[in-house]
N, C-alpha and C. Protein backbone atom coordinates (compact mmCIF):
# COMPACT_ATOMS: atom_id res chain seq x y z
N MET A 1 116.50 71.70 119.67
CA MET A 1 116.14 72.30 118.40
C MET A 1 116.35 71.28 117.30
N SER A 2 115.50 71.40 116.31
CA SER A 2 115.66 70.53 115.15
C SER A 2 116.68 71.15 114.21
N GLY A 3 117.00 70.44 113.15
CA GLY A 3 117.98 70.92 112.18
C GLY A 3 117.50 72.15 111.41
N THR A 4 116.19 72.47 111.49
CA THR A 4 115.66 73.61 110.74
C THR A 4 115.73 74.90 111.53
N GLY A 5 116.23 74.83 112.77
CA GLY A 5 116.28 76.03 113.59
C GLY A 5 115.00 76.25 114.37
N GLN A 6 114.02 75.38 114.16
CA GLN A 6 112.75 75.45 114.87
C GLN A 6 112.84 74.60 116.14
N PRO A 7 112.17 75.02 117.21
CA PRO A 7 112.17 74.18 118.41
C PRO A 7 111.49 72.84 118.11
N SER A 8 112.01 71.79 118.71
CA SER A 8 111.39 70.48 118.52
C SER A 8 110.30 70.29 119.56
N LEU A 9 109.44 69.31 119.34
CA LEU A 9 108.39 69.01 120.31
C LEU A 9 108.98 68.59 121.65
N ALA A 10 110.13 67.95 121.61
CA ALA A 10 110.75 67.51 122.85
C ALA A 10 111.19 68.70 123.71
N THR A 11 111.70 69.74 123.08
CA THR A 11 112.17 70.89 123.84
C THR A 11 111.09 71.95 124.04
N ASP A 12 110.08 71.98 123.15
CA ASP A 12 109.02 72.97 123.26
C ASP A 12 107.71 72.37 122.75
N PRO A 13 106.93 71.73 123.64
CA PRO A 13 105.69 71.08 123.21
C PRO A 13 104.68 72.05 122.61
N ASN A 14 104.79 73.34 122.90
CA ASN A 14 103.84 74.31 122.36
C ASN A 14 104.23 74.82 120.97
N SER A 15 105.35 74.37 120.43
CA SER A 15 105.82 74.88 119.14
C SER A 15 104.83 74.56 118.02
N VAL A 16 104.20 73.41 118.07
CA VAL A 16 103.21 73.06 117.04
C VAL A 16 102.09 74.09 117.05
N PHE A 17 101.66 74.44 118.24
CA PHE A 17 100.61 75.42 118.42
C PHE A 17 101.01 76.76 117.82
N ARG A 18 102.16 77.27 118.24
CA ARG A 18 102.61 78.59 117.80
C ARG A 18 102.88 78.67 116.32
N ASN A 19 103.23 77.54 115.71
CA ASN A 19 103.56 77.52 114.29
C ASN A 19 102.36 77.19 113.41
N SER A 20 101.20 76.95 114.01
CA SER A 20 100.03 76.60 113.21
C SER A 20 99.42 77.84 112.57
N ALA A 21 98.84 77.66 111.40
CA ALA A 21 98.18 78.76 110.69
C ALA A 21 97.01 79.29 111.51
N LEU A 22 96.28 78.40 112.15
CA LEU A 22 95.12 78.81 112.96
C LEU A 22 95.55 79.73 114.10
N TYR A 23 96.65 79.39 114.75
CA TYR A 23 97.14 80.22 115.86
C TYR A 23 97.63 81.56 115.35
N ARG A 24 98.30 81.58 114.21
CA ARG A 24 98.75 82.86 113.63
C ARG A 24 97.56 83.74 113.28
N GLU A 25 96.50 83.16 112.75
CA GLU A 25 95.29 83.93 112.44
C GLU A 25 94.66 84.47 113.72
N PHE A 26 94.64 83.65 114.76
CA PHE A 26 94.12 84.10 116.06
C PHE A 26 94.90 85.31 116.56
N LEU A 27 96.23 85.26 116.46
CA LEU A 27 97.05 86.37 116.92
C LEU A 27 96.79 87.64 116.12
N LEU A 28 96.62 87.51 114.81
CA LEU A 28 96.32 88.68 113.98
C LEU A 28 94.96 89.28 114.34
N GLU A 29 93.99 88.41 114.56
CA GLU A 29 92.65 88.89 114.93
C GLU A 29 92.69 89.56 116.30
N ARG A 30 93.41 88.97 117.22
CA ARG A 30 93.54 89.55 118.57
C ARG A 30 94.19 90.93 118.51
N GLU A 31 95.18 91.07 117.64
CA GLU A 31 95.85 92.36 117.48
C GLU A 31 94.86 93.43 116.99
N GLU A 32 93.99 93.04 116.05
CA GLU A 32 92.97 93.98 115.56
C GLU A 32 92.00 94.36 116.67
N ILE A 33 91.62 93.40 117.48
CA ILE A 33 90.69 93.67 118.59
C ILE A 33 91.34 94.60 119.60
N LEU A 34 92.60 94.38 119.91
CA LEU A 34 93.30 95.26 120.85
C LEU A 34 93.44 96.68 120.29
N ARG A 35 93.67 96.78 118.99
CA ARG A 35 93.74 98.10 118.33
C ARG A 35 92.37 98.79 118.44
N HIS A 36 91.31 98.02 118.23
CA HIS A 36 89.95 98.56 118.33
C HIS A 36 89.65 98.98 119.77
N LYS A 37 90.11 98.20 120.73
CA LYS A 37 89.93 98.53 122.15
C LYS A 37 90.60 99.86 122.47
N TRP A 38 91.79 100.06 121.95
CA TRP A 38 92.50 101.32 122.17
C TRP A 38 91.70 102.49 121.59
N TYR A 39 91.21 102.30 120.36
CA TYR A 39 90.44 103.35 119.70
C TYR A 39 89.17 103.68 120.48
N LEU A 40 88.41 102.67 120.88
CA LEU A 40 87.19 102.90 121.65
C LEU A 40 87.49 103.56 122.99
N SER A 41 88.58 103.14 123.63
CA SER A 41 88.96 103.70 124.93
C SER A 41 89.35 105.17 124.79
N GLU A 42 90.06 105.50 123.72
CA GLU A 42 90.42 106.90 123.47
C GLU A 42 89.17 107.74 123.28
N GLN A 43 88.21 107.23 122.52
CA GLN A 43 86.96 107.95 122.29
C GLN A 43 86.19 108.15 123.60
N ALA A 44 86.17 107.11 124.43
CA ALA A 44 85.39 107.17 125.67
C ALA A 44 86.11 107.93 126.78
N GLY A 45 87.41 108.06 126.65
CA GLY A 45 88.18 108.74 127.70
C GLY A 45 88.52 107.83 128.87
N HIS A 46 88.29 106.54 128.72
CA HIS A 46 88.63 105.56 129.76
C HIS A 46 88.72 104.18 129.10
N ASP A 47 89.33 103.24 129.80
CA ASP A 47 89.48 101.88 129.28
C ASP A 47 88.11 101.22 129.20
N VAL A 48 87.70 100.82 128.00
CA VAL A 48 86.38 100.21 127.84
C VAL A 48 86.40 98.71 128.13
N GLY A 49 87.58 98.13 128.23
CA GLY A 49 87.69 96.71 128.52
C GLY A 49 87.70 95.86 127.26
N PHE A 50 88.32 94.71 127.38
CA PHE A 50 88.49 93.82 126.23
C PHE A 50 87.16 93.26 125.74
N GLU A 51 86.29 92.86 126.66
CA GLU A 51 85.03 92.23 126.26
C GLU A 51 84.16 93.18 125.44
N LYS A 52 84.05 94.42 125.87
CA LYS A 52 83.26 95.39 125.11
C LYS A 52 83.87 95.62 123.73
N ALA A 53 85.18 95.77 123.69
CA ALA A 53 85.87 95.98 122.41
C ALA A 53 85.70 94.77 121.51
N LEU A 54 85.81 93.59 122.07
CA LEU A 54 85.64 92.35 121.31
C LEU A 54 84.26 92.29 120.67
N LEU A 55 83.24 92.49 121.47
CA LEU A 55 81.87 92.41 120.96
C LEU A 55 81.61 93.48 119.90
N ASP A 56 82.08 94.69 120.14
CA ASP A 56 81.90 95.78 119.18
C ASP A 56 82.62 95.46 117.88
N TRP A 57 83.84 94.95 117.97
CA TRP A 57 84.62 94.63 116.78
C TRP A 57 83.97 93.50 115.99
N ILE A 58 83.48 92.48 116.69
CA ILE A 58 82.82 91.36 116.01
C ILE A 58 81.60 91.86 115.23
N VAL A 59 80.78 92.67 115.88
CA VAL A 59 79.55 93.15 115.24
C VAL A 59 79.86 94.10 114.08
N LYS A 60 80.82 94.99 114.25
CA LYS A 60 81.04 96.05 113.27
C LYS A 60 82.14 95.79 112.25
N HIS A 61 83.13 94.96 112.58
CA HIS A 61 84.31 94.89 111.72
C HIS A 61 84.78 93.50 111.33
N ARG A 62 84.42 92.47 112.05
CA ARG A 62 85.01 91.15 111.82
C ARG A 62 84.74 90.61 110.42
N SER A 63 83.53 90.74 109.96
CA SER A 63 83.19 90.19 108.65
C SER A 63 84.06 90.80 107.55
N GLU A 64 84.18 92.11 107.54
CA GLU A 64 85.01 92.77 106.54
C GLU A 64 86.48 92.39 106.71
N TRP A 65 86.95 92.32 107.96
CA TRP A 65 88.33 91.96 108.22
C TRP A 65 88.63 90.56 107.68
N ARG A 66 87.69 89.61 107.93
CA ARG A 66 87.88 88.24 107.45
C ARG A 66 87.93 88.21 105.92
N THR A 67 87.06 88.97 105.27
CA THR A 67 87.03 89.00 103.81
C THR A 67 88.37 89.49 103.26
N VAL A 68 88.87 90.58 103.81
CA VAL A 68 90.16 91.12 103.38
C VAL A 68 91.26 90.12 103.66
N ARG A 69 91.23 89.52 104.83
CA ARG A 69 92.25 88.56 105.24
C ARG A 69 92.28 87.34 104.32
N GLU A 70 91.10 86.84 103.97
CA GLU A 70 91.02 85.68 103.08
C GLU A 70 91.58 86.01 101.70
N LYS A 71 91.35 87.22 101.22
CA LYS A 71 91.93 87.65 99.94
C LYS A 71 93.45 87.72 100.03
N GLU A 72 93.96 88.22 101.16
CA GLU A 72 95.41 88.28 101.36
C GLU A 72 96.01 86.89 101.37
N ILE A 73 95.35 85.96 102.04
CA ILE A 73 95.84 84.58 102.12
C ILE A 73 95.82 83.94 100.74
N ALA A 74 94.74 84.14 99.99
CA ALA A 74 94.64 83.57 98.65
C ALA A 74 95.74 84.13 97.74
N LYS A 75 96.01 85.41 97.87
CA LYS A 75 97.07 86.03 97.07
C LYS A 75 98.43 85.44 97.42
N LEU A 76 98.70 85.24 98.71
CA LEU A 76 99.96 84.65 99.14
C LEU A 76 100.10 83.22 98.64
N GLU A 77 99.01 82.48 98.68
CA GLU A 77 99.04 81.07 98.26
C GLU A 77 99.21 80.94 96.74
N SER A 78 98.72 81.92 95.98
CA SER A 78 98.85 81.84 94.52
C SER A 78 100.20 82.36 94.03
N ASN A 79 100.94 83.06 94.91
CA ASN A 79 102.27 83.58 94.58
C ASN A 79 103.31 83.08 95.57
N PRO A 80 103.66 81.78 95.50
CA PRO A 80 104.62 81.25 96.50
C PRO A 80 105.99 81.74 96.37
């Protein structure tokens, strides 16, 4: 571990990955897709699968989600 309490590259080569903004955004988007998968599966009465949920979410919700997300990021960056 480094002095900051974060894992160092020597002890955890994936730490750069996990701490990157891009990876955090990926995890947030994945969480939304999994939530959408649950919702679609509940409606259908069976597991619709990740791929179907992913495609449906991209077509119907991703653009709006990205817009909201970008506003949230801008707000965070303007209020450090």
